[in-house]
Full PDB file with SEQRES, HELIX, SHEET, SSBOND, CRYST1, ORIGX, SCALE, CONECT and MASTER records, all heavy atoms in Angstrom:
SEQRES   1 A   31  ASP ASP PRO GLN ARG TRP GLY ASP GLN SER ASN LEU ALA          
SEQRES   2 A   31  ASP ILE LEU ILE GLN GLN GLY ARG LYS ALA ASN ALA ILE          
SEQRES   3 A   31  PRO LEU LEU GLU GLU                                          
HELIX    1 AA1 GLN A    4  GLN A   18  1                                  15    
HELIX    2 AA2 LYS A   22  GLU A   30  1                                   9    
CRYST1    1.000    1.000    1.000  90.00  90.00  90.00 P 1           1          
ORIGX1      1.000000  0.000000  0.000000        0.00000                         
ORIGX2      0.000000  1.000000  0.000000        0.00000                         
ORIGX3      0.000000  0.000000  1.000000        0.00000                         
SCALE1      1.000000  0.000000  0.000000        0.00000                         
SCALE2      0.000000  1.000000  0.000000        0.00000                         
SCALE3      0.000000  0.000000  1.000000        0.00000                         
ATOM      1  N   ASP A   1      -7.409  14.303 -30.811  1.00  0.00           N  
ATOM      2  CA  ASP A   1      -7.833  14.906 -29.538  1.00  0.00           C  
ATOM      3  C   ASP A   1      -9.187  14.400 -29.052  1.00  0.00           C  
ATOM      4  O   ASP A   1      -9.680  14.860 -28.021  1.00  0.00           O  
ATOM      5  CB  ASP A   1      -7.876  16.428 -29.675  1.00  0.00           C  
ATOM      6  CG  ASP A   1      -6.504  17.002 -29.946  1.00  0.00           C  
ATOM      7  OD1 ASP A   1      -5.521  16.425 -29.449  1.00  0.00           O  
ATOM      8  OD2 ASP A   1      -6.418  18.013 -30.669  1.00  0.00           O  
ATOM      9  N   ASP A   2      -9.781  13.454 -29.760  1.00  0.00           N  
ATOM     10  CA  ASP A   2     -11.103  12.934 -29.399  1.00  0.00           C  
ATOM     11  C   ASP A   2     -10.982  12.039 -28.161  1.00  0.00           C  
ATOM     12  O   ASP A   2     -10.204  11.078 -28.159  1.00  0.00           O  
ATOM     13  CB  ASP A   2     -11.675  12.125 -30.566  1.00  0.00           C  
ATOM     14  CG  ASP A   2     -13.121  11.723 -30.371  1.00  0.00           C  
ATOM     15  OD1 ASP A   2     -13.589  11.683 -29.215  1.00  0.00           O  
ATOM     16  OD2 ASP A   2     -13.782  11.426 -31.370  1.00  0.00           O  
ATOM     17  N   PRO A   3     -11.740  12.316 -27.095  1.00  0.00           N  
ATOM     18  CA  PRO A   3     -11.645  11.486 -25.896  1.00  0.00           C  
ATOM     19  C   PRO A   3     -12.104  10.037 -26.108  1.00  0.00           C  
ATOM     20  O   PRO A   3     -11.796   9.171 -25.295  1.00  0.00           O  
ATOM     21  CB  PRO A   3     -12.528  12.208 -24.872  1.00  0.00           C  
ATOM     22  CG  PRO A   3     -13.399  13.109 -25.651  1.00  0.00           C  
ATOM     23  CD  PRO A   3     -12.668  13.434 -26.919  1.00  0.00           C  
ATOM     24  N   GLN A   4     -12.798   9.765 -27.206  1.00  0.00           N  
ATOM     25  CA  GLN A   4     -13.197   8.389 -27.495  1.00  0.00           C  
ATOM     26  C   GLN A   4     -11.979   7.483 -27.604  1.00  0.00           C  
ATOM     27  O   GLN A   4     -12.037   6.304 -27.303  1.00  0.00           O  
ATOM     28  CB  GLN A   4     -14.020   8.325 -28.792  1.00  0.00           C  
ATOM     29  CG  GLN A   4     -14.433   6.912 -29.190  1.00  0.00           C  
ATOM     30  CD  GLN A   4     -15.299   6.230 -28.140  1.00  0.00           C  
ATOM     31  OE1 GLN A   4     -16.259   6.814 -27.662  1.00  0.00           O  
ATOM     32  NE2 GLN A   4     -14.972   4.997 -27.791  1.00  0.00           N  
ATOM     33  N   ARG A   5     -10.852   8.053 -27.984  1.00  0.00           N  
ATOM     34  CA  ARG A   5      -9.610   7.291 -28.087  1.00  0.00           C  
ATOM     35  C   ARG A   5      -9.281   6.630 -26.755  1.00  0.00           C  
ATOM     36  O   ARG A   5      -8.814   5.508 -26.688  1.00  0.00           O  
ATOM     37  CB  ARG A   5      -8.489   8.248 -28.517  1.00  0.00           C  
ATOM     38  CG  ARG A   5      -7.140   7.611 -28.680  1.00  0.00           C  
ATOM     39  CD  ARG A   5      -6.256   7.943 -27.481  1.00  0.00           C  
ATOM     40  NE  ARG A   5      -4.910   7.500 -27.695  1.00  0.00           N  
ATOM     41  CZ  ARG A   5      -4.458   6.290 -27.355  1.00  0.00           C  
ATOM     42  NH1 ARG A   5      -5.228   5.424 -26.808  1.00  0.00           N  
ATOM     43  NH2 ARG A   5      -3.207   5.953 -27.552  1.00  0.00           N  
ATOM     44  N   TRP A   6      -9.545   7.340 -25.657  1.00  0.00           N  
ATOM     45  CA  TRP A   6      -9.254   6.802 -24.328  1.00  0.00           C  
ATOM     46  C   TRP A   6     -10.283   5.755 -23.926  1.00  0.00           C  
ATOM     47  O   TRP A   6      -9.959   4.804 -23.213  1.00  0.00           O  
ATOM     48  CB  TRP A   6      -9.124   7.940 -23.325  1.00  0.00           C  
ATOM     49  CG  TRP A   6      -8.072   8.889 -23.806  1.00  0.00           C  
ATOM     50  CD1 TRP A   6      -8.264  10.155 -24.300  1.00  0.00           C  
ATOM     51  CD2 TRP A   6      -6.681   8.618 -23.945  1.00  0.00           C  
ATOM     52  NE1 TRP A   6      -7.061  10.677 -24.719  1.00  0.00           N  
ATOM     53  CE2 TRP A   6      -6.073   9.761 -24.506  1.00  0.00           C  
ATOM     54  CE3 TRP A   6      -5.866   7.521 -23.634  1.00  0.00           C  
ATOM     55  CZ2 TRP A   6      -4.709   9.843 -24.766  1.00  0.00           C  
ATOM     56  CZ3 TRP A   6      -4.506   7.602 -23.892  1.00  0.00           C  
ATOM     57  CH2 TRP A   6      -3.947   8.756 -24.447  1.00  0.00           C  
ATOM     58  N   GLY A   7     -11.509   5.907 -24.415  1.00  0.00           N  
ATOM     59  CA  GLY A   7     -12.501   4.856 -24.213  1.00  0.00           C  
ATOM     60  C   GLY A   7     -12.101   3.592 -24.953  1.00  0.00           C  
ATOM     61  O   GLY A   7     -12.241   2.481 -24.437  1.00  0.00           O  
ATOM     62  N   ASP A   8     -11.567   3.767 -26.166  1.00  0.00           N  
ATOM     63  CA  ASP A   8     -11.081   2.618 -26.936  1.00  0.00           C  
ATOM     64  C   ASP A   8      -9.900   1.957 -26.233  1.00  0.00           C  
ATOM     65  O   ASP A   8      -9.785   0.732 -26.213  1.00  0.00           O  
ATOM     66  CB  ASP A   8     -10.678   3.047 -28.349  1.00  0.00           C  
ATOM     67  CG  ASP A   8     -11.859   3.521 -29.176  1.00  0.00           C  
ATOM     68  OD1 ASP A   8     -12.997   3.070 -28.930  1.00  0.00           O  
ATOM     69  OD2 ASP A   8     -11.647   4.353 -30.083  1.00  0.00           O  
ATOM     70  N   GLN A   9      -9.034   2.774 -25.629  1.00  0.00           N  
ATOM     71  CA  GLN A   9      -7.897   2.208 -24.905  1.00  0.00           C  
ATOM     72  C   GLN A   9      -8.383   1.429 -23.681  1.00  0.00           C  
ATOM     73  O   GLN A   9      -7.839   0.373 -23.362  1.00  0.00           O  
ATOM     74  CB  GLN A   9      -6.918   3.312 -24.488  1.00  0.00           C  
ATOM     75  CG  GLN A   9      -5.675   2.750 -23.819  1.00  0.00           C  
ATOM     76  CD  GLN A   9      -4.544   3.744 -23.775  1.00  0.00           C  
ATOM     77  OE1 GLN A   9      -4.220   4.361 -24.784  1.00  0.00           O  
ATOM     78  NE2 GLN A   9      -3.949   3.916 -22.610  1.00  0.00           N  
ATOM     79  N   SER A  10      -9.416   1.922 -23.024  1.00  0.00           N  
ATOM     80  CA  SER A  10     -10.003   1.193 -21.904  1.00  0.00           C  
ATOM     81  C   SER A  10     -10.577  -0.141 -22.383  1.00  0.00           C  
ATOM     82  O   SER A  10     -10.435  -1.170 -21.715  1.00  0.00           O  
ATOM     83  CB  SER A  10     -11.095   2.042 -21.244  1.00  0.00           C  
ATOM     84  OG  SER A  10     -11.789   1.311 -20.262  1.00  0.00           O  
ATOM     85  N   ASN A  11     -11.202  -0.128 -23.550  1.00  0.00           N  
ATOM     86  CA  ASN A  11     -11.733  -1.375 -24.123  1.00  0.00           C  
ATOM     87  C   ASN A  11     -10.602  -2.350 -24.451  1.00  0.00           C  
ATOM     88  O   ASN A  11     -10.734  -3.558 -24.232  1.00  0.00           O  
ATOM     89  CB  ASN A  11     -12.558  -1.085 -25.373  1.00  0.00           C  
ATOM     90  CG  ASN A  11     -13.856  -0.390 -25.059  1.00  0.00           C  
ATOM     91  OD1 ASN A  11     -14.360  -0.455 -23.939  1.00  0.00           O  
ATOM     92  ND2 ASN A  11     -14.414   0.290 -26.042  1.00  0.00           N  
ATOM     93  N   LEU A  12      -9.495  -1.830 -24.966  1.00  0.00           N  
ATOM     94  CA  LEU A  12      -8.334  -2.673 -25.235  1.00  0.00           C  
ATOM     95  C   LEU A  12      -7.837  -3.305 -23.933  1.00  0.00           C  
ATOM     96  O   LEU A  12      -7.531  -4.502 -23.887  1.00  0.00           O  
ATOM     97  CB  LEU A  12      -7.215  -1.859 -25.894  1.00  0.00           C  
ATOM     98  CG  LEU A  12      -5.881  -2.569 -26.079  1.00  0.00           C  
ATOM     99  CD1 LEU A  12      -6.027  -3.816 -26.953  1.00  0.00           C  
ATOM    100  CD2 LEU A  12      -4.847  -1.607 -26.668  1.00  0.00           C  
ATOM    101  N   ALA A  13      -7.770  -2.510 -22.881  1.00  0.00           N  
ATOM    102  CA  ALA A  13      -7.341  -3.047 -21.587  1.00  0.00           C  
ATOM    103  C   ALA A  13      -8.285  -4.147 -21.114  1.00  0.00           C  
ATOM    104  O   ALA A  13      -7.839  -5.167 -20.570  1.00  0.00           O  
ATOM    105  CB  ALA A  13      -7.272  -1.919 -20.559  1.00  0.00           C  
ATOM    106  N   ASP A  14      -9.579  -3.974 -21.341  1.00  0.00           N  
ATOM    107  CA  ASP A  14     -10.534  -5.010 -20.948  1.00  0.00           C  
ATOM    108  C   ASP A  14     -10.275  -6.301 -21.717  1.00  0.00           C  
ATOM    109  O   ASP A  14     -10.348  -7.397 -21.143  1.00  0.00           O  
ATOM    110  CB  ASP A  14     -11.971  -4.534 -21.185  1.00  0.00           C  
ATOM    111  CG  ASP A  14     -12.985  -5.538 -20.689  1.00  0.00           C  
ATOM    112  OD1 ASP A  14     -12.915  -5.936 -19.505  1.00  0.00           O  
ATOM    113  OD2 ASP A  14     -13.850  -5.948 -21.496  1.00  0.00           O  
ATOM    114  N   ILE A  15      -9.959  -6.189 -22.981  1.00  0.00           N  
ATOM    115  CA  ILE A  15      -9.628  -7.373 -23.786  1.00  0.00           C  
ATOM    116  C   ILE A  15      -8.391  -8.063 -23.212  1.00  0.00           C  
ATOM    117  O   ILE A  15      -8.358  -9.288 -23.104  1.00  0.00           O  
ATOM    118  CB  ILE A  15      -9.423  -6.982 -25.268  1.00  0.00           C  
ATOM    119  CG1 ILE A  15     -10.762  -6.540 -25.881  1.00  0.00           C  
ATOM    120  CG2 ILE A  15      -8.807  -8.127 -26.066  1.00  0.00           C  
ATOM    121  CD1 ILE A  15     -10.633  -5.833 -27.218  1.00  0.00           C  
ATOM    122  N   LEU A  16      -7.409  -7.279 -22.817  1.00  0.00           N  
ATOM    123  CA  LEU A  16      -6.203  -7.848 -22.214  1.00  0.00           C  
ATOM    124  C   LEU A  16      -6.532  -8.552 -20.897  1.00  0.00           C  
ATOM    125  O   LEU A  16      -6.011  -9.635 -20.612  1.00  0.00           O  
ATOM    126  CB  LEU A  16      -5.145  -6.769 -22.003  1.00  0.00           C  
ATOM    127  CG  LEU A  16      -4.603  -6.105 -23.272  1.00  0.00           C  
ATOM    128  CD1 LEU A  16      -3.655  -4.969 -22.912  1.00  0.00           C  
ATOM    129  CD2 LEU A  16      -3.930  -7.110 -24.180  1.00  0.00           C  
ATOM    130  N   ILE A  17      -7.402  -7.948 -20.106  1.00  0.00           N  
ATOM    131  CA  ILE A  17      -7.829  -8.567 -18.847  1.00  0.00           C  
ATOM    132  C   ILE A  17      -8.504  -9.904 -19.128  1.00  0.00           C  
ATOM    133  O   ILE A  17      -8.243 -10.897 -18.445  1.00  0.00           O  
ATOM    134  CB  ILE A  17      -8.763  -7.620 -18.062  1.00  0.00           C  
ATOM    135  CG1 ILE A  17      -7.978  -6.407 -17.550  1.00  0.00           C  
ATOM    136  CG2 ILE A  17      -9.447  -8.360 -16.905  1.00  0.00           C  
ATOM    137  CD1 ILE A  17      -8.852  -5.276 -17.031  1.00  0.00           C  
ATOM    138  N   GLN A  18      -9.350  -9.937 -20.146  1.00  0.00           N  
ATOM    139  CA  GLN A  18     -10.042 -11.175 -20.503  1.00  0.00           C  
ATOM    140  C   GLN A  18      -9.061 -12.265 -20.926  1.00  0.00           C  
ATOM    141  O   GLN A  18      -9.348 -13.445 -20.795  1.00  0.00           O  
ATOM    142  CB  GLN A  18     -11.064 -10.929 -21.622  1.00  0.00           C  
ATOM    143  CG  GLN A  18     -12.181  -9.980 -21.252  1.00  0.00           C  
ATOM    144  CD  GLN A  18     -12.946 -10.417 -20.024  1.00  0.00           C  
ATOM    145  OE1 GLN A  18     -13.250 -11.590 -19.842  1.00  0.00           O  
ATOM    146  NE2 GLN A  18     -13.240  -9.466 -19.148  1.00  0.00           N  
ATOM    147  N   GLN A  19      -7.894 -11.858 -21.415  1.00  0.00           N  
ATOM    148  CA  GLN A  19      -6.853 -12.803 -21.824  1.00  0.00           C  
ATOM    149  C   GLN A  19      -5.924 -13.159 -20.658  1.00  0.00           C  
ATOM    150  O   GLN A  19      -4.957 -13.883 -20.852  1.00  0.00           O  
ATOM    151  CB  GLN A  19      -6.014 -12.211 -22.968  1.00  0.00           C  
ATOM    152  CG  GLN A  19      -6.773 -12.030 -24.252  1.00  0.00           C  
ATOM    153  CD  GLN A  19      -5.931 -11.331 -25.308  1.00  0.00           C  
ATOM    154  OE1 GLN A  19      -5.255 -10.344 -25.036  1.00  0.00           O  
ATOM    155  NE2 GLN A  19      -5.973 -11.849 -26.514  1.00  0.00           N  
ATOM    156  N   GLY A  20      -6.195 -12.636 -19.475  1.00  0.00           N  
ATOM    157  CA  GLY A  20      -5.344 -12.898 -18.329  1.00  0.00           C  
ATOM    158  C   GLY A  20      -4.092 -12.051 -18.289  1.00  0.00           C  
ATOM    159  O   GLY A  20      -3.131 -12.378 -17.606  1.00  0.00           O  
ATOM    160  N   ARG A  21      -4.088 -10.946 -19.013  1.00  0.00           N  
ATOM    161  CA  ARG A  21      -2.910 -10.074 -19.113  1.00  0.00           C  
ATOM    162  C   ARG A  21      -3.141  -8.775 -18.334  1.00  0.00           C  
ATOM    163  O   ARG A  21      -3.014  -7.681 -18.846  1.00  0.00           O  
ATOM    164  CB  ARG A  21      -2.612  -9.818 -20.586  1.00  0.00           C  
ATOM    165  CG  ARG A  21      -2.242 -11.105 -21.309  1.00  0.00           C  
ATOM    166  CD  ARG A  21      -2.288 -10.994 -22.818  1.00  0.00           C  
ATOM    167  NE  ARG A  21      -1.483  -9.910 -23.343  1.00  0.00           N  
ATOM    168  CZ  ARG A  21      -1.610  -9.448 -24.582  1.00  0.00           C  
ATOM    169  NH1 ARG A  21      -2.490  -9.982 -25.416  1.00  0.00           N  
ATOM    170  NH2 ARG A  21      -0.844  -8.461 -25.006  1.00  0.00           N  
ATOM    171  N   LYS A  22      -3.477  -8.931 -17.066  1.00  0.00           N  
ATOM    172  CA  LYS A  22      -3.790  -7.778 -16.215  1.00  0.00           C  
ATOM    173  C   LYS A  22      -2.634  -6.789 -16.123  1.00  0.00           C  
ATOM    174  O   LYS A  22      -2.853  -5.577 -16.130  1.00  0.00           O  
ATOM    175  CB  LYS A  22      -4.189  -8.242 -14.815  1.00  0.00           C  
ATOM    176  CG  LYS A  22      -5.509  -8.973 -14.763  1.00  0.00           C  
ATOM    177  CD  LYS A  22      -5.822  -9.390 -13.336  1.00  0.00           C  
ATOM    178  CE  LYS A  22      -7.162 -10.071 -13.246  1.00  0.00           C  
ATOM    179  NZ  LYS A  22      -7.502 -10.421 -11.842  1.00  0.00           N  
ATOM    180  N   ALA A  23      -1.429  -7.295 -16.015  1.00  0.00           N  
ATOM    181  CA  ALA A  23      -0.264  -6.405 -15.884  1.00  0.00           C  
ATOM    182  C   ALA A  23      -0.127  -5.490 -17.103  1.00  0.00           C  
ATOM    183  O   ALA A  23       0.312  -4.342 -16.969  1.00  0.00           O  
ATOM    184  CB  ALA A  23       1.014  -7.218 -15.683  1.00  0.00           C  
ATOM    185  N   ASN A  24      -0.498  -5.980 -18.276  1.00  0.00           N  
ATOM    186  CA  ASN A  24      -0.441  -5.152 -19.484  1.00  0.00           C  
ATOM    187  C   ASN A  24      -1.586  -4.139 -19.521  1.00  0.00           C  
ATOM    188  O   ASN A  24      -1.464  -3.081 -20.143  1.00  0.00           O  
ATOM    189  CB  ASN A  24      -0.503  -6.020 -20.734  1.00  0.00           C  
ATOM    190  CG  ASN A  24       0.662  -6.968 -20.845  1.00  0.00           C  
ATOM    191  OD1 ASN A  24       0.516  -8.146 -20.526  1.00  0.00           O  
ATOM    192  ND2 ASN A  24       1.808  -6.487 -21.263  1.00  0.00           N  
ATOM    193  N   ALA A  25      -2.694  -4.478 -18.886  1.00  0.00           N  
ATOM    194  CA  ALA A  25      -3.874  -3.621 -18.910  1.00  0.00           C  
ATOM    195  C   ALA A  25      -3.749  -2.428 -17.972  1.00  0.00           C  
ATOM    196  O   ALA A  25      -4.255  -1.339 -18.268  1.00  0.00           O  
ATOM    197  CB  ALA A  25      -5.120  -4.438 -18.544  1.00  0.00           C  
ATOM    198  N   ILE A  26      -3.078  -2.609 -16.849  1.00  0.00           N  
ATOM    199  CA  ILE A  26      -3.029  -1.562 -15.820  1.00  0.00           C  
ATOM    200  C   ILE A  26      -2.475  -0.236 -16.342  1.00  0.00           C  
ATOM    201  O   ILE A  26      -3.127   0.804 -16.168  1.00  0.00           O  
ATOM    202  CB  ILE A  26      -2.269  -2.065 -14.571  1.00  0.00           C  
ATOM    203  CG1 ILE A  26      -3.112  -3.138 -13.870  1.00  0.00           C  
ATOM    204  CG2 ILE A  26      -1.934  -0.918 -13.621  1.00  0.00           C  
ATOM    205  CD1 ILE A  26      -2.397  -3.880 -12.757  1.00  0.00           C  
ATOM    206  N   PRO A  27      -1.313  -0.187 -17.005  1.00  0.00           N  
ATOM    207  CA  PRO A  27      -0.830   1.124 -17.470  1.00  0.00           C  
ATOM    208  C   PRO A  27      -1.744   1.751 -18.534  1.00  0.00           C  
ATOM    209  O   PRO A  27      -1.880   2.982 -18.580  1.00  0.00           O  
ATOM    210  CB  PRO A  27       0.565   0.840 -18.026  1.00  0.00           C  
ATOM    211  CG  PRO A  27       0.686  -0.631 -18.142  1.00  0.00           C  
ATOM    212  CD  PRO A  27      -0.342  -1.243 -17.250  1.00  0.00           C  
ATOM    213  N   LEU A  28      -2.368   0.933 -19.352  1.00  0.00           N  
ATOM    214  CA  LEU A  28      -3.301   1.475 -20.353  1.00  0.00           C  
ATOM    215  C   LEU A  28      -4.491   2.136 -19.663  1.00  0.00           C  
ATOM    216  O   LEU A  28      -4.945   3.209 -20.067  1.00  0.00           O  
ATOM    217  CB  LEU A  28      -3.797   0.360 -21.282  1.00  0.00           C  
ATOM    218  CG  LEU A  28      -2.760  -0.290 -22.187  1.00  0.00           C  
ATOM    219  CD1 LEU A  28      -3.390  -1.431 -22.975  1.00  0.00           C  
ATOM    220  CD2 LEU A  28      -2.143   0.732 -23.120  1.00  0.00           C  
ATOM    221  N   LEU A  29      -4.998   1.491 -18.618  1.00  0.00           N  
ATOM    222  CA  LEU A  29      -6.140   2.042 -17.884  1.00  0.00           C  
ATOM    223  C   LEU A  29      -5.755   3.292 -17.109  1.00  0.00           C  
ATOM    224  O   LEU A  29      -6.513   4.273 -17.092  1.00  0.00           O  
ATOM    225  CB  LEU A  29      -6.730   0.983 -16.952  1.00  0.00           C  
ATOM    226  CG  LEU A  29      -7.478  -0.132 -17.669  1.00  0.00           C  
ATOM    227  CD1 LEU A  29      -7.698  -1.317 -16.749  1.00  0.00           C  
ATOM    228  CD2 LEU A  29      -8.792   0.386 -18.230  1.00  0.00           C  
ATOM    229  N   GLU A  30      -4.599   3.283 -16.487  1.00  0.00           N  
ATOM    230  CA  GLU A  30      -4.157   4.469 -15.746  1.00  0.00           C  
ATOM    231  C   GLU A  30      -4.029   5.675 -16.678  1.00  0.00           C  
ATOM    232  O   GLU A  30      -4.441   6.786 -16.330  1.00  0.00           O  
ATOM    233  CB  GLU A  30      -2.841   4.184 -15.023  1.00  0.00           C  
ATOM    234  CG  GLU A  30      -3.016   3.215 -13.866  1.00  0.00           C  
ATOM    235  CD  GLU A  30      -1.726   2.761 -13.216  1.00  0.00           C  
ATOM    236  OE1 GLU A  30      -0.655   2.835 -13.866  1.00  0.00           O  
ATOM    237  OE2 GLU A  30      -1.793   2.316 -12.064  1.00  0.00           O  
ATOM    238  N   GLU A  31      -3.474   5.447 -17.864  1.00  0.00           N  
ATOM    239  CA  GLU A  31      -3.344   6.537 -18.844  1.00  0.00           C  
ATOM    240  C   GLU A  31      -4.716   6.993 -19.331  1.00  0.00           C  
ATOM    241  O   GLU A  31      -4.980   8.201 -19.422  1.00  0.00           O  
ATOM    242  CB  GLU A  31      -2.485   6.077 -20.017  1.00  0.00           C  
ATOM    243  CG  GLU A  31      -2.273   7.160 -21.051  1.00  0.00           C  
ATOM    244  CD  GLU A  31      -1.456   6.701 -22.242  1.00  0.00           C  
ATOM    245  OE1 GLU A  31      -1.494   5.499 -22.595  1.00  0.00           O  
ATOM    246  OE2 GLU A  31      -0.787   7.568 -22.841  1.00  0.00           O  
TER     247      GLU A  31                                                      
MASTER        0    0    0    2    0    0    0    6  246    1    0    3          
END                                                                             
């Protein structure tokens, strides 16, 4: 239940963006 989990998911999405995988990042960021 720690909200840091969602911060980590946002960081994962940023890594995906850096790899050119924006489409994979969008649902992670929305969630």
